[in-house]
Protein backbone atom coordinates (compact mmCIF):
# COMPACT_ATOMS: atom_id res chain seq x y z
CA MET A 1 -0.08 0.13 0.18
CA PRO A 2 1.76 3.32 -1.04
CA LEU A 3 2.56 5.69 1.93
CA ASP A 4 0.59 8.84 2.18
CA TYR A 5 3.09 11.96 1.25
CA LEU A 6 5.33 13.03 3.68
CA ASP A 7 5.42 15.97 5.81
CA ALA A 8 7.88 18.40 4.59
CA ARG A 9 8.83 19.53 8.30
CA GLN A 10 10.19 15.63 8.81
CA LEU A 11 12.02 15.98 5.33
CA GLU A 12 13.18 18.99 5.93
CA ALA A 13 14.50 17.63 9.68
CA PHE A 14 16.05 14.92 8.45
CA VAL A 15 17.78 16.61 5.39
CA ALA A 16 19.45 19.14 8.24
CA VAL A 17 20.46 16.41 10.32
CA MET A 18 21.85 14.21 7.38
CA SER A 19 23.82 17.68 5.88
CA ILE A 20 25.16 18.59 9.40
CA GLY A 21 25.65 15.39 10.96
CA SER A 22 24.27 15.96 14.42
CA MET A 23 20.78 16.32 16.24
CA THR A 24 22.19 19.30 17.86
CA GLY A 25 23.45 21.03 14.81
CA ALA A 26 20.60 20.35 12.68
CA ALA A 27 18.10 21.96 15.82
CA GLN A 28 20.20 25.25 15.79
CA ALA A 29 19.98 25.30 11.76
CA LEU A 30 16.29 24.86 12.13
CA ARG A 31 15.90 27.01 15.39
CA LYS A 32 14.03 24.31 16.97
CA SER A 33 14.84 22.42 19.78
CA GLN A 34 16.63 19.28 20.03
CA PRO A 35 13.77 17.33 21.37
CA VAL A 36 11.35 18.76 18.58
CA VAL A 37 14.47 17.47 15.76
CA THR A 38 14.45 14.18 17.51
CA ARG A 39 10.61 13.60 16.91
CA LEU A 40 10.24 14.52 14.12
CA ILE A 41 12.75 11.92 12.69
CA GLN A 42 10.86 9.52 14.62
CA ASP A 43 7.70 10.40 13.18
CA LEU A 44 9.36 10.33 9.71
CA GLU A 45 10.39 6.78 10.51
CA SER A 46 7.43 5.78 11.56
CA GLU A 47 5.71 6.72 8.23
CA LEU A 48 8.29 5.11 6.09
CA GLY A 49 8.70 1.69 8.17
CA PHE A 50 12.12 1.81 8.27
CA PRO A 51 15.12 3.74 10.07
CA VAL A 52 17.07 6.30 8.23
CA LEU A 53 19.64 6.74 11.11
CA HIS A 54 21.78 4.83 13.20
CA ARG A 55 22.08 5.90 16.49
CA ASN A 56 25.14 5.18 18.60
CA GLY A 57 24.83 7.95 22.15
CA PRO A 58 25.56 11.34 20.28
CA ARG A 59 26.82 9.70 17.09
CA ILE A 60 24.88 9.18 14.31
CA ALA A 61 24.96 7.91 10.63
CA PRO A 62 22.59 7.28 7.77
CA THR A 63 21.06 4.02 7.31
CA GLU A 64 21.75 2.45 3.38
CA GLU A 65 17.82 3.08 2.97
CA GLY A 66 18.41 6.83 4.56
CA SER A 67 20.95 7.71 1.81
CA ALA A 68 19.02 6.39 -0.94
CA LEU A 69 15.96 8.98 0.68
CA PHE A 70 18.33 11.83 1.53
CA VAL A 71 18.99 12.50 -2.11
CA GLN A 72 15.26 12.76 -3.08
CA ALA A 73 14.28 14.62 -0.23
CA GLU A 74 17.01 17.14 -1.18
CA LEU A 75 15.41 17.75 -4.82
CA PHE A 76 11.94 17.73 -3.06
CA LEU A 77 12.92 20.86 -0.53
CA SER A 78 14.63 22.61 -3.09
CA GLY A 79 11.84 22.26 -5.59
CA LEU A 80 9.47 23.41 -2.70
CA LYS A 81 11.39 26.42 -2.18
CA THR A 82 11.14 27.27 -5.76
CA ILE A 83 7.95 27.10 -6.03
CA SER A 84 7.60 29.64 -3.04
CA GLU A 85 9.99 32.11 -4.54
CA THR A 86 7.88 32.03 -7.43
CA ALA A 87 4.62 32.07 -5.71
CA TYR A 88 6.67 35.35 -3.87
CA ASP A 89 7.66 36.68 -6.99
CA ILE A 90 4.51 36.75 -9.02
CA ALA A 91 2.49 38.36 -5.78
CA ASN A 92 5.30 41.48 -5.63
CA ASP A 93 5.69 41.93 -9.48
CA GLN A 94 9.35 40.92 -8.88
CA ALA A 95 11.69 40.10 -11.73
CA GLY A 96 12.02 36.67 -10.60
CA THR A 97 14.59 34.11 -9.07
CA VAL A 98 17.07 32.45 -12.13
CA ARG A 99 18.52 29.38 -11.03
CA LEU A 100 21.67 28.45 -13.19
CA ALA A 101 23.24 25.05 -12.93
CA ALA A 102 26.69 24.33 -15.00
CA VAL A 103 29.42 22.67 -14.84
CA PRO A 104 32.57 24.10 -13.40
CA ALA A 105 34.55 25.49 -16.26
CA LEU A 106 31.56 27.10 -16.97
CA ALA A 107 29.88 28.71 -13.95
CA ALA A 108 33.29 30.29 -13.65
CA GLY A 109 34.47 31.01 -17.18
CA ILE A 110 31.22 32.25 -19.02
CA ALA A 111 28.33 32.33 -16.53
CA PRO A 112 29.49 35.62 -14.51
CA LEU A 113 30.02 37.09 -17.94
CA ALA A 114 26.77 36.45 -18.89
CA LEU A 115 25.37 37.29 -15.79
CA SER A 116 27.00 40.84 -16.10
CA ASP A 117 25.53 41.34 -19.15
CA LEU A 118 21.94 41.57 -18.05
CA PRO A 119 20.17 44.32 -18.15
CA ASP A 120 20.16 46.25 -14.96
CA ARG A 121 16.10 46.78 -15.68
CA GLY A 122 14.47 43.38 -15.27
CA PHE A 123 17.65 41.99 -13.49
CA PRO A 124 16.85 38.85 -11.47
CA LEU A 125 15.87 39.61 -7.29
CA ASP A 126 17.82 36.42 -6.82
CA ILE A 127 20.14 34.48 -8.88
CA HIS A 128 21.44 30.56 -7.81
CA LEU A 129 24.40 29.80 -9.67
CA SER A 130 25.59 25.77 -9.00
CA SER A 131 28.39 24.16 -9.95
CA MET A 132 28.57 20.22 -10.51
CA THR A 133 28.70 17.75 -12.95
CA SER A 134 26.98 17.30 -16.28
CA GLU A 135 24.82 14.45 -15.17
CA ASN A 136 23.75 16.68 -11.88
CA VAL A 137 23.42 19.71 -14.25
CA VAL A 138 20.90 17.49 -16.62
CA GLN A 139 19.22 16.04 -13.57
CA ALA A 140 18.58 19.37 -11.91
CA ILE A 141 16.78 20.44 -15.09
CA VAL A 142 14.73 17.62 -15.07
CA ALA A 143 14.14 17.99 -11.59
CA ARG A 144 12.82 21.79 -12.17
CA THR A 145 15.74 22.47 -9.58
CA ALA A 146 17.34 24.98 -11.96
CA GLU A 147 15.68 26.47 -15.15
CA VAL A 148 18.90 26.86 -17.33
CA GLY A 149 21.71 24.60 -17.51
CA ILE A 150 25.35 24.31 -19.21
CA ALA A 151 26.12 20.74 -19.18
CA SER A 152 29.27 19.15 -21.37
CA LEU A 153 28.18 16.56 -23.89
CA PRO A 154 27.35 13.76 -24.70
CA PHE A 155 24.14 13.28 -23.02
CA ASP A 156 20.78 12.21 -24.01
CA ASN A 157 17.93 12.73 -22.00
CA PRO A 158 14.40 13.05 -23.45
CA GLY A 159 13.32 15.68 -20.67
CA VAL A 160 15.39 18.13 -21.21
CA ASP A 161 15.40 20.99 -24.75
CA LEU A 162 18.83 21.79 -26.27
CA HIS A 163 19.24 24.99 -27.44
CA TRP A 164 22.45 25.30 -29.30
CA ILE A 165 25.73 23.14 -28.79
CA GLY A 166 29.43 25.14 -28.01
CA GLU A 167 32.73 23.75 -29.17
CA VAL A 168 36.16 25.35 -28.34
CA SER A 169 39.53 23.53 -28.23
CA TYR A 170 41.34 22.19 -25.38
CA VAL A 171 44.42 23.70 -24.62
CA ALA A 172 47.78 22.64 -22.47
CA VAL A 173 48.80 23.98 -19.58
CA ILE A 174 51.99 24.07 -17.82
CA ALA A 175 54.49 25.76 -14.81
CA SER A 176 55.61 29.11 -16.61
CA ASP A 177 59.08 28.35 -15.42
CA ASP A 178 59.03 24.95 -17.06
CA PRO A 179 61.17 24.90 -20.13
CA LEU A 180 58.70 23.70 -22.61
CA ALA A 181 56.74 27.13 -21.64
CA LYS A 182 58.90 28.92 -24.25
CA ARG A 183 57.43 27.01 -26.80
CA HIS A 184 54.52 27.39 -28.98
CA VAL A 185 52.78 24.56 -29.24
CA ILE A 186 52.44 21.52 -26.89
CA THR A 187 52.75 18.17 -29.41
CA ALA A 188 51.32 14.54 -28.64
CA SER A 189 55.25 13.61 -28.30
CA ASP A 190 55.78 15.87 -25.31
CA PHE A 191 53.70 13.48 -23.27
CA ARG A 192 55.79 10.81 -23.63
CA GLU A 193 58.20 12.18 -21.02
CA ARG A 194 55.86 14.08 -19.00
CA ARG A 195 52.58 13.54 -16.86
CA LEU A 196 49.14 13.89 -18.28
CA LEU A 197 47.38 16.18 -15.94
CA THR A 198 43.09 15.72 -16.80
CA SER A 199 39.79 14.69 -16.03
CA ALA A 200 39.22 11.65 -14.44
CA ASN A 201 35.51 11.16 -16.56
CA PRO A 202 36.12 8.29 -19.15
CA TYR A 203 33.12 9.47 -20.99
CA ARG A 204 34.04 12.89 -21.82
CA LEU A 205 37.29 14.74 -21.91
CA ARG A 206 39.45 11.66 -20.94
CA ARG A 207 38.19 9.25 -23.55
CA ARG A 208 38.95 12.05 -26.03
CA ILE A 209 42.38 12.66 -25.20
CA ASP A 210 42.96 8.65 -24.68
CA GLN A 211 42.08 8.80 -28.56
CA ALA A 212 44.48 11.59 -29.38
CA LEU A 213 47.46 10.05 -27.91
CA ASN A 214 46.65 6.85 -29.29
CA HIS A 215 46.29 8.04 -32.62
CA HIS A 216 49.74 9.63 -32.56
CA GLU A 217 51.18 6.14 -30.32
CA VAL A 218 51.96 8.28 -27.45
CA GLU A 219 51.91 6.65 -23.76
CA PRO A 220 52.35 9.65 -21.17
CA VAL A 221 54.84 8.86 -18.40
CA GLY A 222 51.94 8.63 -16.09
CA ILE A 223 48.68 10.58 -15.57
CA ILE A 224 46.99 12.60 -12.70
CA ASP A 225 43.45 12.41 -12.73
CA SER A 226 40.53 14.56 -10.74
CA ASN A 227 37.41 15.69 -10.95
CA THR A 228 37.58 19.33 -12.25
CA SER A 229 39.37 21.26 -14.18
CA TYR A 230 41.04 23.77 -11.52
CA VAL A 231 42.41 20.76 -9.66
CA SER A 232 44.42 19.95 -12.94
CA LEU A 233 45.45 23.95 -13.52
CA ALA A 234 46.59 23.28 -9.45
CA LEU A 235 48.53 20.40 -10.33
CA ALA A 236 50.05 21.86 -13.40
CA LYS A 237 51.19 24.99 -11.50
CA SER A 238 53.22 22.86 -8.94
CA GLY A 239 55.27 21.61 -11.87
CA LEU A 240 53.38 17.98 -11.70
CA GLY A 241 52.97 17.74 -15.69
CA ILE A 242 51.35 18.96 -18.64
CA GLY A 243 47.30 19.70 -17.78
CA ILE A 244 44.82 19.36 -20.84
CA VAL A 245 42.06 21.50 -20.09
CA GLU A 246 38.83 23.52 -21.29
CA SER A 247 39.92 26.64 -22.74
CA VAL A 248 36.56 27.96 -21.00
CA THR A 249 38.05 27.39 -17.78
CA LEU A 250 40.66 30.19 -17.82
CA THR A 251 38.05 32.45 -19.57
CA GLY A 252 36.84 33.89 -16.05
CA LEU A 253 39.67 33.26 -13.58
CA PRO A 254 43.19 33.47 -15.33
CA ILE A 255 46.06 31.60 -12.71
CA GLU A 256 49.51 33.62 -12.25
CA GLY A 257 52.52 30.96 -12.62
CA LEU A 258 50.67 28.96 -15.51
CA THR A 259 51.46 29.06 -19.66
CA VAL A 260 48.78 28.49 -21.71
CA LEU A 261 49.86 26.38 -25.12
CA PRO A 262 47.50 25.23 -28.16
CA LEU A 263 47.88 21.70 -28.38
CA ASP A 264 49.05 20.45 -32.21
CA PHE A 265 46.29 17.78 -31.99
CA HIS A 266 42.72 18.73 -31.92
CA VAL A 267 40.55 17.74 -28.57
CA PRO A 268 36.96 19.36 -28.98
CA PHE A 269 35.02 20.25 -25.67
CA TYR A 270 31.50 20.48 -26.36
CA TRP A 271 28.99 21.71 -24.21
CA GLY A 272 24.91 22.78 -24.46
CA VAL A 273 22.60 25.02 -23.16
CA ILE A 274 19.46 23.18 -22.14
CA THR A 275 16.44 24.17 -20.39
CA ALA A 276 13.20 21.42 -19.22
CA THR A 277 10.88 20.54 -22.07
CA GLY A 278 7.97 21.97 -22.12
CA VAL A 279 8.47 24.68 -19.56
CA PRO A 280 7.94 28.24 -20.60
CA LEU A 281 11.01 30.72 -19.45
CA SER A 282 10.80 33.81 -17.85
CA THR A 283 12.08 36.60 -19.22
CA PRO A 284 15.46 36.97 -17.03
CA ALA A 285 15.86 33.23 -18.40
CA GLN A 286 15.90 33.80 -21.67
CA SER A 287 17.96 36.78 -22.00
CA LEU A 288 20.70 34.83 -19.88
CA ILE A 289 20.23 32.33 -22.39
CA VAL A 290 21.14 35.08 -25.20
CA ALA A 291 23.95 36.21 -23.16
CA ILE A 292 25.56 33.32 -22.72
CA GLU A 293 25.28 32.59 -26.39
CA ARG A 294 26.86 36.09 -27.06
CA ARG A 295 29.95 35.43 -24.59
CA SER A 296 30.57 32.00 -25.71
CA GLU A 297 31.13 33.47 -29.50
CA ALA A 298 33.90 35.68 -28.21
CA LEU A 299 35.90 32.48 -27.35
CA PRO A 300 38.91 31.94 -29.09
CA THR A 301 38.18 28.93 -31.67
CA PHE A 302 34.48 28.93 -30.76
CA ARG A 303 31.94 26.86 -32.87
CA LYS A 304 28.32 26.97 -32.73
CA HIS A 305 26.34 23.78 -33.65
CA ASP A 306 22.66 23.59 -34.02
CA VAL A 307 22.46 19.36 -33.73
CA MET A 308 24.65 17.16 -31.88
CA PRO A 309 28.18 16.06 -33.18
CA SER A 310 29.78 13.06 -33.95
CA LEU A 311 31.64 12.22 -30.81
CA ASP A 312 33.35 9.39 -31.71
């Protein structure tokens, strides 16, 4: 028999406990007493029919079921907040709230520039800019917790509309005091004697780099991979190897002590601007999409695609 709708207060208490790690901290964050938070968690477990927390005196830890529930509870509360803010904006004739989710390179590179281009008249009252993986950007759009998304390709989800696709070339980054920094270009053969600093995601950048190096029959001395390009920049600055990163990463926040050089082999970075299928866009969101395109077109080597390119 399906459950009745869960109490939002119970879910709020649960998310607070999971996020902070203690009943006491959650009670302080929610401005409630600890017994009230404890009771809300107990009522939630009673409604669900399974425990969401392991308790060992003052120590708590999520159960397997609690960990699974936490992800959906966060999405629910975020959506509820979105509804509340939208209702407030309508009632008070405000310009509204815009939620933008983007992969880290574009959240720091293109997004701030595009936001600065929005007109003062009608500028959103609140802007929420979230930096996350491409998979989570798509999920945020589908779940309506973000209105506009900038996700790297590939992705395939029937719940999103792809407005356009951008492409730029990846570039090499190396410590400025490295002898290679005096060169005009980094070649595939340079990696025979250097570590490769790159993304850990095997389905996006990493696959394209591996294909390019394999084509030149080159195997790097070693590899240090990470989950964001900014980590690769820091590793390169420390002299640990040659980084290959999206050129847009350096657009919004260039780093001293690094030299940026083109590669003599092409590794493309593709990204797309997405919104939820069938959901009308607010005026600020439409303006933001136009501003993102305008700023992207100013990037070196930028190319715009109207359809998904072949990624093989």
